Amino acid sequence: MTYAGASGGYNPPHSDEPYSTQIAGYPSVFAHGMLTMGLTGKMLTNYVGDGRLTKFGVRFTNQVWPGDTLGATATVTEVKGENGQKLVELDVATVNQDGKGVVRAYAEARIDP
């Protein structure tokens, strides 16, 4: 609910338990996709450093439910030079405690030569 307040995103499946379960048919409310994206992005900036991401794209693959524990990984797929900068391309995945994917992403970041 804190994220809903911060983002202004009070869409009922994310913030209204009776609506989510009784009308929409979900087992519970679930996290906003942008919250999951933000947590994944935080892992990336912790990894490559603030201000270094040049690309970040996400596909949401499953809902994140209350009580889920998430883990994110970034795998280097390519190191390249472009316009005088050294860049790294990353394949990114975020999974829940059961190993079920909730985000698939790609990223590119500047790295030190």
PDB file of N, CA and C in Angstrom:
ATOM      1  N   MET A   1       0.815  -1.182   0.000  1.00  0.00           N
ATOM      2  CA  MET A   1       0.000   0.000   0.000  1.00  0.00           C
ATOM      3  C   MET A   1       0.867   1.257   0.000  1.00  0.00           C
ATOM      4  N   THR A   2       2.046   1.162   0.581  1.00  0.00           N
ATOM      5  CA  THR A   2       2.928   2.323   0.611  1.00  0.00           C
ATOM      6  C   THR A   2       3.302   2.739  -0.805  1.00  0.00           C
ATOM      7  N   TYR A   3       3.596   1.761  -1.673  1.00  0.00           N
ATOM      8  CA  TYR A   3       3.945   2.096  -3.053  1.00  0.00           C
ATOM      9  C   TYR A   3       2.761   2.752  -3.753  1.00  0.00           C
ATOM     10  N   ALA A   4       1.560   2.252  -3.528  1.00  0.00           N
ATOM     11  CA  ALA A   4       0.372   2.854  -4.141  1.00  0.00           C
ATOM     12  C   ALA A   4       0.266   4.325  -3.757  1.00  0.00           C
ATOM     13  N   GLY A   5       0.510   4.632  -2.483  1.00  0.00           N
ATOM     14  CA  GLY A   5       0.456   6.018  -2.032  1.00  0.00           C
ATOM     15  C   GLY A   5       1.544   6.872  -2.654  1.00  0.00           C
ATOM     16  N   ALA A   6       2.741   6.329  -2.746  1.00  0.00           N
ATOM     17  CA  ALA A   6       3.863   7.084  -3.308  1.00  0.00           C
ATOM     18  C   ALA A   6       3.687   7.323  -4.804  1.00  0.00           C
ATOM     19  N   SER A   7       3.125   6.332  -5.502  1.00  0.00           N
ATOM     20  CA  SER A   7       2.997   6.432  -6.959  1.00  0.00           C
ATOM     21  C   SER A   7       1.651   6.995  -7.401  1.00  0.00           C
ATOM     22  N   GLY A   8       0.685   7.030  -6.494  1.00  0.00           N
ATOM     23  CA  GLY A   8      -0.664   7.451  -6.866  1.00  0.00           C
ATOM     24  C   GLY A   8      -1.397   6.371  -7.633  1.00  0.00           C
ATOM     25  N   GLY A   9      -0.879   5.148  -7.603  1.00  0.00           N
ATOM     26  CA  GLY A   9      -1.450   4.033  -8.355  1.00  0.00           C
ATOM     27  C   GLY A   9      -2.377   3.186  -7.507  1.00  0.00           C
ATOM     28  N   TYR A  10      -3.602   3.637  -7.356  1.00  0.00           N
ATOM     29  CA  TYR A  10      -4.565   2.909  -6.536  1.00  0.00           C
ATOM     30  C   TYR A  10      -5.465   1.994  -7.362  1.00  0.00           C
ATOM     31  N   ASN A  11      -4.939   1.403  -8.414  1.00  0.00           N
ATOM     32  CA  ASN A  11      -5.684   0.446  -9.215  1.00  0.00           C
ATOM     33  C   ASN A  11      -6.151  -0.680  -8.277  1.00  0.00           C
ATOM     34  N   PRO A  12      -7.446  -1.017  -8.257  1.00  0.00           N
ATOM     35  CA  PRO A  12      -7.979  -1.968  -7.270  1.00  0.00           C
ATOM     36  C   PRO A  12      -7.241  -3.305  -7.148  1.00  0.00           C
ATOM     37  N   PRO A  13      -6.772  -3.947  -8.227  1.00  0.00           N
ATOM     38  CA  PRO A  13      -6.069  -5.220  -8.012  1.00  0.00           C
ATOM     39  C   PRO A  13      -4.786  -5.087  -7.179  1.00  0.00           C
ATOM     40  N   HIS A  14      -4.267  -3.847  -7.076  1.00  0.00           N
ATOM     41  CA  HIS A  14      -3.058  -3.614  -6.296  1.00  0.00           C
ATOM     42  C   HIS A  14      -3.340  -3.111  -4.881  1.00  0.00           C
ATOM     43  N   SER A  15      -4.550  -2.625  -4.630  1.00  0.00           N
ATOM     44  CA  SER A  15      -4.771  -1.943  -3.360  1.00  0.00           C
ATOM     45  C   SER A  15      -6.067  -2.311  -2.639  1.00  0.00           C
ATOM     46  N   ASP A  16      -6.951  -3.049  -3.260  1.00  0.00           N
ATOM     47  CA  ASP A  16      -8.259  -3.339  -2.667  1.00  0.00           C
ATOM     48  C   ASP A  16      -8.454  -4.859  -2.608  1.00  0.00           C
ATOM     49  N   GLU A  17      -8.180  -5.429  -1.436  1.00  0.00           N
ATOM     50  CA  GLU A  17      -8.248  -6.892  -1.264  1.00  0.00           C
ATOM     51  C   GLU A  17      -9.621  -7.467  -1.626  1.00  0.00           C
ATOM     52  N   PRO A  18     -10.739  -6.916  -1.131  1.00  0.00           N
ATOM     53  CA  PRO A  18     -12.040  -7.485  -1.515  1.00  0.00           C
ATOM     54  C   PRO A  18     -12.286  -7.431  -3.031  1.00  0.00           C
ATOM     55  N   TYR A  19     -11.940  -6.317  -3.656  1.00  0.00           N
ATOM     56  CA  TYR A  19     -12.104  -6.231  -5.104  1.00  0.00           C
ATOM     57  C   TYR A  19     -11.242  -7.282  -5.797  1.00  0.00           C
ATOM     58  N   SER A  20      -9.981  -7.344  -5.401  1.00  0.00           N
ATOM     59  CA  SER A  20      -9.037  -8.251  -6.053  1.00  0.00           C
ATOM     60  C   SER A  20      -9.479  -9.709  -5.944  1.00  0.00           C
ATOM     61  N   THR A  21      -9.975 -10.105  -4.779  1.00  0.00           N
ATOM     62  CA  THR A  21     -10.343 -11.509  -4.579  1.00  0.00           C
ATOM     63  C   THR A  21     -11.765 -11.830  -5.018  1.00  0.00           C
ATOM     64  N   GLN A  22     -12.716 -10.960  -4.700  1.00  0.00           N
ATOM     65  CA  GLN A  22     -14.118 -11.279  -4.939  1.00  0.00           C
ATOM     66  C   GLN A  22     -14.603 -10.887  -6.337  1.00  0.00           C
ATOM     67  N   ILE A  23     -14.053  -9.843  -6.903  1.00  0.00           N
ATOM     68  CA  ILE A  23     -14.516  -9.385  -8.213  1.00  0.00           C
ATOM     69  C   ILE A  23     -13.553  -9.796  -9.328  1.00  0.00           C
ATOM     70  N   ALA A  24     -12.267  -9.525  -9.125  1.00  0.00           N
ATOM     71  CA  ALA A  24     -11.286  -9.823 -10.172  1.00  0.00           C
ATOM     72  C   ALA A  24     -10.844 -11.283 -10.161  1.00  0.00           C
ATOM     73  N   GLY A  25     -11.059 -11.987  -9.050  1.00  0.00           N
ATOM     74  CA  GLY A  25     -10.755 -13.416  -8.997  1.00  0.00           C
ATOM     75  C   GLY A  25      -9.298 -13.767  -8.718  1.00  0.00           C
ATOM     76  N   TYR A  26      -8.528 -12.819  -8.234  1.00  0.00           N
ATOM     77  CA  TYR A  26      -7.138 -13.094  -7.859  1.00  0.00           C
ATOM     78  C   TYR A  26      -7.110 -13.648  -6.441  1.00  0.00           C
ATOM     79  N   PRO A  27      -6.036 -14.339  -6.073  1.00  0.00           N
ATOM     80  CA  PRO A  27      -5.949 -14.838  -4.697  1.00  0.00           C
ATOM     81  C   PRO A  27      -5.686 -13.737  -3.672  1.00  0.00           C
ATOM     82  N   SER A  28      -5.217 -12.582  -4.121  1.00  0.00           N
ATOM     83  CA  SER A  28      -4.893 -11.471  -3.233  1.00  0.00           C
ATOM     84  C   SER A  28      -4.613 -10.247  -4.096  1.00  0.00           C
ATOM     85  N   VAL A  29      -4.298  -9.137  -3.458  1.00  0.00           N
ATOM     86  CA  VAL A  29      -3.741  -8.008  -4.190  1.00  0.00           C
ATOM     87  C   VAL A  29      -2.348  -8.417  -4.645  1.00  0.00           C
ATOM     88  N   PHE A  30      -1.788  -7.679  -5.596  1.00  0.00           N
ATOM     89  CA  PHE A  30      -0.428  -7.991  -6.036  1.00  0.00           C
ATOM     90  C   PHE A  30       0.322  -6.705  -6.315  1.00  0.00           C
ATOM     91  N   ALA A  31       1.641  -6.809  -6.318  1.00  0.00           N
ATOM     92  CA  ALA A  31       2.512  -5.635  -6.445  1.00  0.00           C
ATOM     93  C   ALA A  31       2.378  -4.985  -7.815  1.00  0.00           C
ATOM     94  N   HIS A  32       2.573  -3.681  -7.847  1.00  0.00           N
ATOM     95  CA  HIS A  32       2.641  -2.943  -9.103  1.00  0.00           C
ATOM     96  C   HIS A  32       3.857  -3.428  -9.895  1.00  0.00           C
ATOM     97  N   GLY A  33       3.707  -3.564 -11.187  1.00  0.00           N
ATOM     98  CA  GLY A  33       4.834  -3.951 -12.031  1.00  0.00           C
ATOM     99  C   GLY A  33       6.000  -2.979 -11.912  1.00  0.00           C
ATOM    100  N   MET A  34       5.683  -1.695 -11.798  1.00  0.00           N
ATOM    101  CA  MET A  34       6.759  -0.703 -11.713  1.00  0.00           C
ATOM    102  C   MET A  34       7.539  -0.820 -10.404  1.00  0.00           C
ATOM    103  N   LEU A  35       6.920  -1.336  -9.348  1.00  0.00           N
ATOM    104  CA  LEU A  35       7.655  -1.586  -8.113  1.00  0.00           C
ATOM    105  C   LEU A  35       8.680  -2.690  -8.353  1.00  0.00           C
ATOM    106  N   THR A  36       8.242  -3.766  -9.002  1.00  0.00           N
ATOM    107  CA  THR A  36       9.153  -4.872  -9.313  1.00  0.00           C
ATOM    108  C   THR A  36      10.264  -4.406 -10.245  1.00  0.00           C
ATOM    109  N   MET A  37       9.914  -3.571 -11.212  1.00  0.00           N
ATOM    110  CA  MET A  37      10.924  -3.017 -12.117  1.00  0.00           C
ATOM    111  C   MET A  37      11.925  -2.162 -11.342  1.00  0.00           C
ATOM    112  N   GLY A  38      11.422  -1.343 -10.427  1.00  0.00           N
ATOM    113  CA  GLY A  38      12.297  -0.485  -9.632  1.00  0.00           C
ATOM    114  C   GLY A  38      13.250  -1.282  -8.766  1.00  0.00           C
ATOM    115  N   LEU A  39      12.764  -2.352  -8.150  1.00  0.00           N
ATOM    116  CA  LEU A  39      13.636  -3.199  -7.332  1.00  0.00           C
ATOM    117  C   LEU A  39      14.689  -3.871  -8.190  1.00  0.00           C
ATOM    118  N   THR A  40      14.311  -4.313  -9.382  1.00  0.00           N
ATOM    119  CA  THR A  40      15.267  -4.910 -10.309  1.00  0.00           C
ATOM    120  C   THR A  40      16.294  -3.867 -10.740  1.00  0.00           C
ATOM    121  N   GLY A  41      15.832  -2.668 -11.030  1.00  0.00           N
ATOM    122  CA  GLY A  41      16.740  -1.582 -11.414  1.00  0.00           C
ATOM    123  C   GLY A  41      17.712  -1.227 -10.305  1.00  0.00           C
ATOM    124  N   LYS A  42      17.261  -1.303  -9.053  1.00  0.00           N
ATOM    125  CA  LYS A  42      18.155  -1.022  -7.922  1.00  0.00           C
ATOM    126  C   LYS A  42      19.289  -2.043  -7.865  1.00  0.00           C
ATOM    127  N   MET A  43      18.970  -3.306  -8.133  1.00  0.00           N
ATOM    128  CA  MET A  43      20.019  -4.318  -8.191  1.00  0.00           C
ATOM    129  C   MET A  43      21.039  -3.940  -9.260  1.00  0.00           C
ATOM    130  N   LEU A  44      20.554  -3.472 -10.417  1.00  0.00           N
ATOM    131  CA  LEU A  44      21.464  -3.103 -11.507  1.00  0.00           C
ATOM    132  C   LEU A  44      22.356  -1.927 -11.131  1.00  0.00           C
ATOM    133  N   THR A  45      21.787  -0.894 -10.527  1.00  0.00           N
ATOM    134  CA  THR A  45      22.621   0.253 -10.173  1.00  0.00           C
ATOM    135  C   THR A  45      23.581  -0.101  -9.040  1.00  0.00           C
ATOM    136  N   ASN A  46      23.197  -1.013  -8.164  1.00  0.00           N
ATOM    137  CA  ASN A  46      24.149  -1.497  -7.161  1.00  0.00           C
ATOM    138  C   ASN A  46      25.312  -2.219  -7.840  1.00  0.00           C
ATOM    139  N   TYR A  47      25.028  -2.910  -8.937  1.00  0.00           N
ATOM    140  CA  TYR A  47      26.025  -3.705  -9.657  1.00  0.00           C
ATOM    141  C   TYR A  47      26.942  -2.839 -10.522  1.00  0.00           C
ATOM    142  N   VAL A  48      26.364  -1.953 -11.318  1.00  0.00           N
ATOM    143  CA  VAL A  48      27.179  -1.183 -12.284  1.00  0.00           C
ATOM    144  C   VAL A  48      27.476   0.233 -11.811  1.00  0.00           C
ATOM    145  N   GLY A  49      26.754   0.717 -10.818  1.00  0.00           N
ATOM    146  CA  GLY A  49      26.961   2.071 -10.308  1.00  0.00           C
ATOM    147  C   GLY A  49      25.868   3.021 -10.769  1.00  0.00           C
ATOM    148  N   ASP A  50      25.614   4.013  -9.936  1.00  0.00           N
ATOM    149  CA  ASP A  50      24.605   5.030 -10.260  1.00  0.00           C
ATOM    150  C   ASP A  50      25.012   5.811 -11.504  1.00  0.00           C
ATOM    151  N   GLY A  51      24.035   6.134 -12.332  1.00  0.00           N
ATOM    152  CA  GLY A  51      24.274   6.962 -13.505  1.00  0.00           C
ATOM    153  C   GLY A  51      24.971   6.261 -14.651  1.00  0.00           C
ATOM    154  N   ARG A  52      25.100   4.950 -14.611  1.00  0.00           N
ATOM    155  CA  ARG A  52      25.809   4.231 -15.668  1.00  0.00           C
ATOM    156  C   ARG A  52      24.889   3.477 -16.629  1.00  0.00           C
ATOM    157  N   LEU A  53      23.649   3.268 -16.262  1.00  0.00           N
ATOM    158  CA  LEU A  53      22.734   2.564 -17.166  1.00  0.00           C
ATOM    159  C   LEU A  53      22.444   3.436 -18.382  1.00  0.00           C
ATOM    160  N   THR A  54      22.551   2.853 -19.565  1.00  0.00           N
ATOM    161  CA  THR A  54      22.201   3.554 -20.798  1.00  0.00           C
ATOM    162  C   THR A  54      20.930   2.989 -21.418  1.00  0.00           C
ATOM    163  N   LYS A  55      20.589   1.747 -21.064  1.00  0.00           N
ATOM    164  CA  LYS A  55      19.347   1.105 -21.517  1.00  0.00           C
ATOM    165  C   LYS A  55      18.848   0.192 -20.414  1.00  0.00           C
ATOM    166  N   PHE A  56      17.531   0.097 -20.309  1.00  0.00           N
ATOM    167  CA  PHE A  56      16.914  -0.815 -19.353  1.00  0.00           C
ATOM    168  C   PHE A  56      15.498  -1.078 -19.831  1.00  0.00           C
ATOM    169  N   GLY A  57      15.233  -2.301 -20.222  1.00  0.00           N
ATOM    170  CA  GLY A  57      13.909  -2.685 -20.699  1.00  0.00           C
ATOM    171  C   GLY A  57      13.425  -3.913 -19.953  1.00  0.00           C
ATOM    172  N   VAL A  58      12.126  -3.948 -19.667  1.00  0.00           N
ATOM    173  CA  VAL A  58      11.565  -4.986 -18.810  1.00  0.00           C
ATOM    174  C   VAL A  58      10.320  -5.605 -19.440  1.00  0.00           C
ATOM    175  N   ARG A  59      10.161  -6.899 -19.199  1.00  0.00           N
ATOM    176  CA  ARG A  59       8.915  -7.597 -19.516  1.00  0.00           C
ATOM    177  C   ARG A  59       8.459  -8.281 -18.229  1.00  0.00           C
ATOM    178  N   PHE A  60       7.242  -7.985 -17.807  1.00  0.00           N
ATOM    179  CA  PHE A  60       6.690  -8.599 -16.598  1.00  0.00           C
ATOM    180  C   PHE A  60       6.128  -9.968 -16.977  1.00  0.00           C
ATOM    181  N   THR A  61       6.539 -11.015 -16.259  1.00  0.00           N
ATOM    182  CA  THR A  61       6.140 -12.368 -16.637  1.00  0.00           C
ATOM    183  C   THR A  61       5.170 -13.014 -15.665  1.00  0.00           C
ATOM    184  N   ASN A  62       5.144 -12.557 -14.419  1.00  0.00           N
ATOM    185  CA  ASN A  62       4.205 -13.076 -13.419  1.00  0.00           C
ATOM    186  C   ASN A  62       3.987 -12.036 -12.336  1.00  0.00           C
ATOM    187  N   GLN A  63       2.883 -12.183 -11.618  1.00  0.00           N
ATOM    188  CA  GLN A  63       2.594 -11.269 -10.519  1.00  0.00           C
ATOM    189  C   GLN A  63       3.501 -11.542  -9.320  1.00  0.00           C
ATOM    190  N   VAL A  64       3.675 -10.502  -8.521  1.00  0.00           N
ATOM    191  CA  VAL A  64       4.383 -10.597  -7.245  1.00  0.00           C
ATOM    192  C   VAL A  64       3.340 -10.423  -6.150  1.00  0.00           C
ATOM    193  N   TRP A  65       3.244 -11.422  -5.283  1.00  0.00           N
ATOM    194  CA  TRP A  65       2.212 -11.476  -4.256  1.00  0.00           C
ATOM    195  C   TRP A  65       2.758 -11.059  -2.896  1.00  0.00           C
ATOM    196  N   PRO A  66       1.889 -10.612  -1.990  1.00  0.00           N
ATOM    197  CA  PRO A  66       2.346 -10.292  -0.638  1.00  0.00           C
ATOM    198  C   PRO A  66       3.100 -11.482  -0.040  1.00  0.00           C
ATOM    199  N   GLY A  67       4.234 -11.197   0.574  1.00  0.00           N
ATOM    200  CA  GLY A  67       5.046 -12.242   1.186  1.00  0.00           C
ATOM    201  C   GLY A  67       6.100 -12.839   0.273  1.00  0.00           C
ATOM    202  N   ASP A  68       6.030 -12.550  -1.028  1.00  0.00           N
ATOM    203  CA  ASP A  68       7.055 -13.072  -1.940  1.00  0.00           C
ATOM    204  C   ASP A  68       8.420 -12.487  -1.585  1.00  0.00           C
ATOM    205  N   THR A  69       9.442 -13.281  -1.798  1.00  0.00           N
ATOM    206  CA  THR A  69      10.830 -12.857  -1.669  1.00  0.00           C
ATOM    207  C   THR A  69      11.431 -12.902  -3.060  1.00  0.00           C
ATOM    208  N   LEU A  70      12.032 -11.797  -3.485  1.00  0.00           N
ATOM    209  CA  LEU A  70      12.564 -11.713  -4.836  1.00  0.00           C
ATOM    210  C   LEU A  70      14.090 -11.734  -4.837  1.00  0.00           C
ATOM    211  N   GLY A  71      14.628 -12.306  -5.883  1.00  0.00           N
ATOM    212  CA  GLY A  71      16.065 -12.281  -6.125  1.00  0.00           C
ATOM    213  C   GLY A  71      16.297 -11.925  -7.579  1.00  0.00           C
ATOM    214  N   ALA A  72      17.279 -11.088  -7.838  1.00  0.00           N
ATOM    215  CA  ALA A  72      17.558 -10.648  -9.209  1.00  0.00           C
ATOM    216  C   ALA A  72      19.004 -10.954  -9.562  1.00  0.00           C
ATOM    217  N   THR A  73      19.223 -11.306 -10.818  1.00  0.00           N
ATOM    218  CA  THR A  73      20.574 -11.572 -11.313  1.00  0.00           C
ATOM    219  C   THR A  73      20.785 -10.827 -12.624  1.00  0.00           C
ATOM    220  N   ALA A  74      22.031 -10.493 -12.877  1.00  0.00           N
ATOM    221  CA  ALA A  74      22.426  -9.881 -14.142  1.00  0.00           C
ATOM    222  C   ALA A  74      23.604 -10.678 -14.680  1.00  0.00           C
ATOM    223  N   THR A  75      23.499 -11.091 -15.923  1.00  0.00           N
ATOM    224  CA  THR A  75      24.553 -11.859 -16.569  1.00  0.00           C
ATOM    225  C   THR A  75      25.118 -11.042 -17.719  1.00  0.00           C
ATOM    226  N   VAL A  76      26.424 -10.878 -17.733  1.00  0.00           N
ATOM    227  CA  VAL A  76      27.075 -10.145 -18.821  1.00  0.00           C
ATOM    228  C   VAL A  76      27.001 -10.998 -20.080  1.00  0.00           C
ATOM    229  N   THR A  77      26.423 -10.422 -21.141  1.00  0.00           N
ATOM    230  CA  THR A  77      26.325 -11.142 -22.404  1.00  0.00           C
ATOM    231  C   THR A  77      27.290 -10.604 -23.452  1.00  0.00           C
ATOM    232  N   GLU A  78      27.742  -9.358 -23.269  1.00  0.00           N
ATOM    233  CA  GLU A  78      28.678  -8.785 -24.232  1.00  0.00           C
ATOM    234  C   GLU A  78      29.362  -7.564 -23.621  1.00  0.00           C
ATOM    235  N   VAL A  79      30.628  -7.402 -23.957  1.00  0.00           N
ATOM    236  CA  VAL A  79      31.376  -6.188 -23.638  1.00  0.00           C
ATOM    237  C   VAL A  79      31.782  -5.595 -24.970  1.00  0.00           C
ATOM    238  N   LYS A  80      31.509  -4.305 -25.182  1.00  0.00           N
ATOM    239  CA  LYS A  80      31.754  -3.704 -26.480  1.00  0.00           C
ATOM    240  C   LYS A  80      32.177  -2.256 -26.332  1.00  0.00           C
ATOM    241  N   GLY A  81      32.718  -1.722 -27.386  1.00  0.00           N
ATOM    242  CA  GLY A  81      33.040  -0.310 -27.449  1.00  0.00           C
ATOM    243  C   GLY A  81      32.101   0.366 -28.431  1.00  0.00           C
ATOM    244  N   GLU A  82      31.639   1.572 -28.062  1.00  0.00           N
ATOM    245  CA  GLU A  82      30.719   2.307 -28.927  1.00  0.00           C
ATOM    246  C   GLU A  82      30.890   3.796 -28.662  1.00  0.00           C
ATOM    247  N   ASN A  83      31.181   4.553 -29.711  1.00  0.00           N
ATOM    248  CA  ASN A  83      31.352   6.007 -29.592  1.00  0.00           C
ATOM    249  C   ASN A  83      32.367   6.389 -28.511  1.00  0.00           C
ATOM    250  N   GLY A  84      33.452   5.639 -28.454  1.00  0.00           N
ATOM    251  CA  GLY A  84      34.509   5.930 -27.496  1.00  0.00           C
ATOM    252  C   GLY A  84      34.210   5.498 -26.071  1.00  0.00           C
ATOM    253  N   GLN A  85      33.094   4.812 -25.850  1.00  0.00           N
ATOM    254  CA  GLN A  85      32.755   4.327 -24.514  1.00  0.00           C
ATOM    255  C   GLN A  85      32.816   2.809 -24.488  1.00  0.00           C
ATOM    256  N   LYS A  86      33.152   2.265 -23.353  1.00  0.00           N
ATOM    257  CA  LYS A  86      33.097   0.826 -23.160  1.00  0.00           C
ATOM    258  C   LYS A  86      31.753   0.514 -22.503  1.00  0.00           C
ATOM    259  N   LEU A  87      31.034  -0.442 -23.071  1.00  0.00           N
ATOM    260  CA  LEU A  87      29.691  -0.788 -22.606  1.00  0.00           C
ATOM    261  C   LEU A  87      29.604  -2.274 -22.301  1.00  0.00           C
ATOM    262  N   VAL A  88      28.720  -2.613 -21.403  1.00  0.00           N
ATOM    263  CA  VAL A  88      28.422  -4.001 -21.102  1.00  0.00           C
ATOM    264  C   VAL A  88      26.921  -4.210 -21.326  1.00  0.00           C
ATOM    265  N   GLU A  89      26.584  -5.302 -22.004  1.00  0.00           N
ATOM    266  CA  GLU A  89      25.183  -5.689 -22.168  1.00  0.00           C
ATOM    267  C   GLU A  89      24.874  -6.776 -21.151  1.00  0.00           C
ATOM    268  N   LEU A  90      23.679  -6.679 -20.553  1.00  0.00           N
ATOM    269  CA  LEU A  90      23.295  -7.579 -19.475  1.00  0.00           C
ATOM    270  C   LEU A  90      21.952  -8.235 -19.746  1.00  0.00           C
ATOM    271  N   ASP A  91      21.868  -9.513 -19.436  1.00  0.00           N
ATOM    272  CA  ASP A  91      20.607 -10.244 -19.420  1.00  0.00           C
ATOM    273  C   ASP A  91      20.184 -10.297 -17.962  1.00  0.00           C
ATOM    274  N   VAL A  92      18.968  -9.872 -17.661  1.00  0.00           N
ATOM    275  CA  VAL A  92      18.532  -9.691 -16.279  1.00  0.00           C
ATOM    276  C   VAL A  92      17.290 -10.542 -16.014  1.00  0.00           C
ATOM    277  N   ALA A  93      17.259 -11.150 -14.848  1.00  0.00           N
ATOM    278  CA  ALA A  93      16.091 -11.941 -14.446  1.00  0.00           C
ATOM    279  C   ALA A  93      15.806 -11.698 -12.969  1.00  0.00           C
ATOM    280  N   THR A  94      14.528 -11.588 -12.636  1.00  0.00           N
ATOM    281  CA  THR A  94      14.093 -11.515 -11.249  1.00  0.00           C
ATOM    282  C   THR A  94      13.116 -12.661 -11.027  1.00  0.00           C
ATOM    283  N   VAL A  95      13.344 -13.411  -9.948  1.00  0.00           N
ATOM    284  CA  VAL A  95      12.521 -14.577  -9.635  1.00  0.00           C
ATOM    285  C   VAL A  95      12.008 -14.475  -8.208  1.00  0.00           C
ATOM    286  N   ASN A  96      10.944 -15.223  -7.933  1.00  0.00           N
ATOM    287  CA  ASN A  96      10.432 -15.273  -6.563  1.00  0.00           C
ATOM    288  C   ASN A  96      11.088 -16.418  -5.803  1.00  0.00           C
ATOM    289  N   GLN A  97      10.654 -16.636  -4.576  1.00  0.00           N
ATOM    290  CA  GLN A  97      11.243 -17.648  -3.706  1.00  0.00           C
ATOM    291  C   GLN A  97      11.116 -19.063  -4.252  1.00  0.00           C
ATOM    292  N   ASP A  98      10.205 -19.291  -5.185  1.00  0.00           N
ATOM    293  CA  ASP A  98      10.025 -20.616  -5.791  1.00  0.00           C
ATOM    294  C   ASP A  98      10.801 -20.760  -7.100  1.00  0.00           C
ATOM    295  N   GLY A  99      11.564 -19.735  -7.463  1.00  0.00           N
ATOM    296  CA  GLY A  99      12.313 -19.761  -8.717  1.00  0.00           C
ATOM    297  C   GLY A  99      11.479 -19.386  -9.924  1.00  0.00           C
ATOM    298  N   LYS A 100      10.256 -18.928  -9.709  1.00  0.00           N
ATOM    299  CA  LYS A 100       9.369 -18.534 -10.805  1.00  0.00           C
ATOM    300  C   LYS A 100       9.718 -17.118 -11.242  1.00  0.00           C
ATOM    301  N   GLY A 101       9.958 -16.948 -12.530  1.00  0.00           N
ATOM    302  CA  GLY A 101      10.324 -15.646 -13.056  1.00  0.00           C
ATOM    303  C   GLY A 101       9.192 -14.642 -12.950  1.00  0.00           C
ATOM    304  N   VAL A 102       9.515 -13.431 -12.504  1.00  0.00           N
ATOM    305  CA  VAL A 102       8.530 -12.362 -12.456  1.00  0.00           C
ATOM    306  C   VAL A 102       8.917 -11.207 -13.378  1.00  0.00           C
ATOM    307  N   VAL A 103      10.198 -11.115 -13.727  1.00  0.00           N
ATOM    308  CA  VAL A 103      10.693 -10.086 -14.655  1.00  0.00           C
ATOM    309  C   VAL A 103      11.791 -10.687 -15.513  1.00  0.00           C
ATOM    310  N   ARG A 104      11.738 -10.397 -16.815  1.00  0.00           N
ATOM    311  CA  ARG A 104      12.849 -10.639 -17.741  1.00  0.00           C
ATOM    312  C   ARG A 104      13.233  -9.266 -18.253  1.00  0.00           C
ATOM    313  N   ALA A 105      14.519  -8.982 -18.305  1.00  0.00           N
ATOM    314  CA  ALA A 105      14.934  -7.639 -18.690  1.00  0.00           C
ATOM    315  C   ALA A 105      16.262  -7.681 -19.427  1.00  0.00           C
ATOM    316  N   TYR A 106      16.563  -6.573 -20.034  1.00  0.00           N
ATOM    317  CA  TYR A 106      17.892  -6.367 -20.620  1.00  0.00           C
ATOM    318  C   TYR A 106      18.363  -4.990 -20.161  1.00  0.00           C
ATOM    319  N   ALA A 107      19.663  -4.866 -20.111  1.00  0.00           N
ATOM    320  CA  ALA A 107      20.226  -3.573 -19.720  1.00  0.00           C
ATOM    321  C   ALA A 107      21.568  -3.387 -20.429  1.00  0.00           C
ATOM    322  N   GLU A 108      21.954  -2.144 -20.537  1.00  0.00           N
ATOM    323  CA  GLU A 108      23.266  -1.798 -21.051  1.00  0.00           C
ATOM    324  C   GLU A 108      23.819  -0.719 -20.123  1.00  0.00           C
ATOM    325  N   ALA A 109      25.122  -0.793 -19.842  1.00  0.00           N
ATOM    326  CA  ALA A 109      25.721   0.175 -18.925  1.00  0.00           C
ATOM    327  C   ALA A 109      27.122   0.537 -19.377  1.00  0.00           C
ATOM    328  N   ARG A 110      27.502   1.774 -19.065  1.00  0.00           N
ATOM    329  CA  ARG A 110      28.875   2.228 -19.280  1.00  0.00           C
ATOM    330  C   ARG A 110      29.762   1.593 -18.209  1.00  0.00           C
ATOM    331  N   ILE A 111      30.949   1.180 -18.627  1.00  0.00           N
ATOM    332  CA  ILE A 111      31.904   0.647 -17.668  1.00  0.00           C
ATOM    333  C   ILE A 111      33.226   1.382 -17.856  1.00  0.00           C
ATOM    334  N   ASP A 112      34.054   1.325 -16.831  1.00  0.00           N
ATOM    335  CA  ASP A 112      35.359   1.958 -16.917  1.00  0.00           C
ATOM    336  C   ASP A 112      36.250   1.153 -17.853  1.00  0.00           C
ATOM    337  N   PRO A 113      37.054   1.869 -18.652  1.00  0.00           N
ATOM    338  CA  PRO A 113      37.960   1.158 -19.588  1.00  0.00           C
ATOM    339  C   PRO A 113      39.014   0.359 -18.853  1.00  0.00           C
TER     340      PRO A 113
END
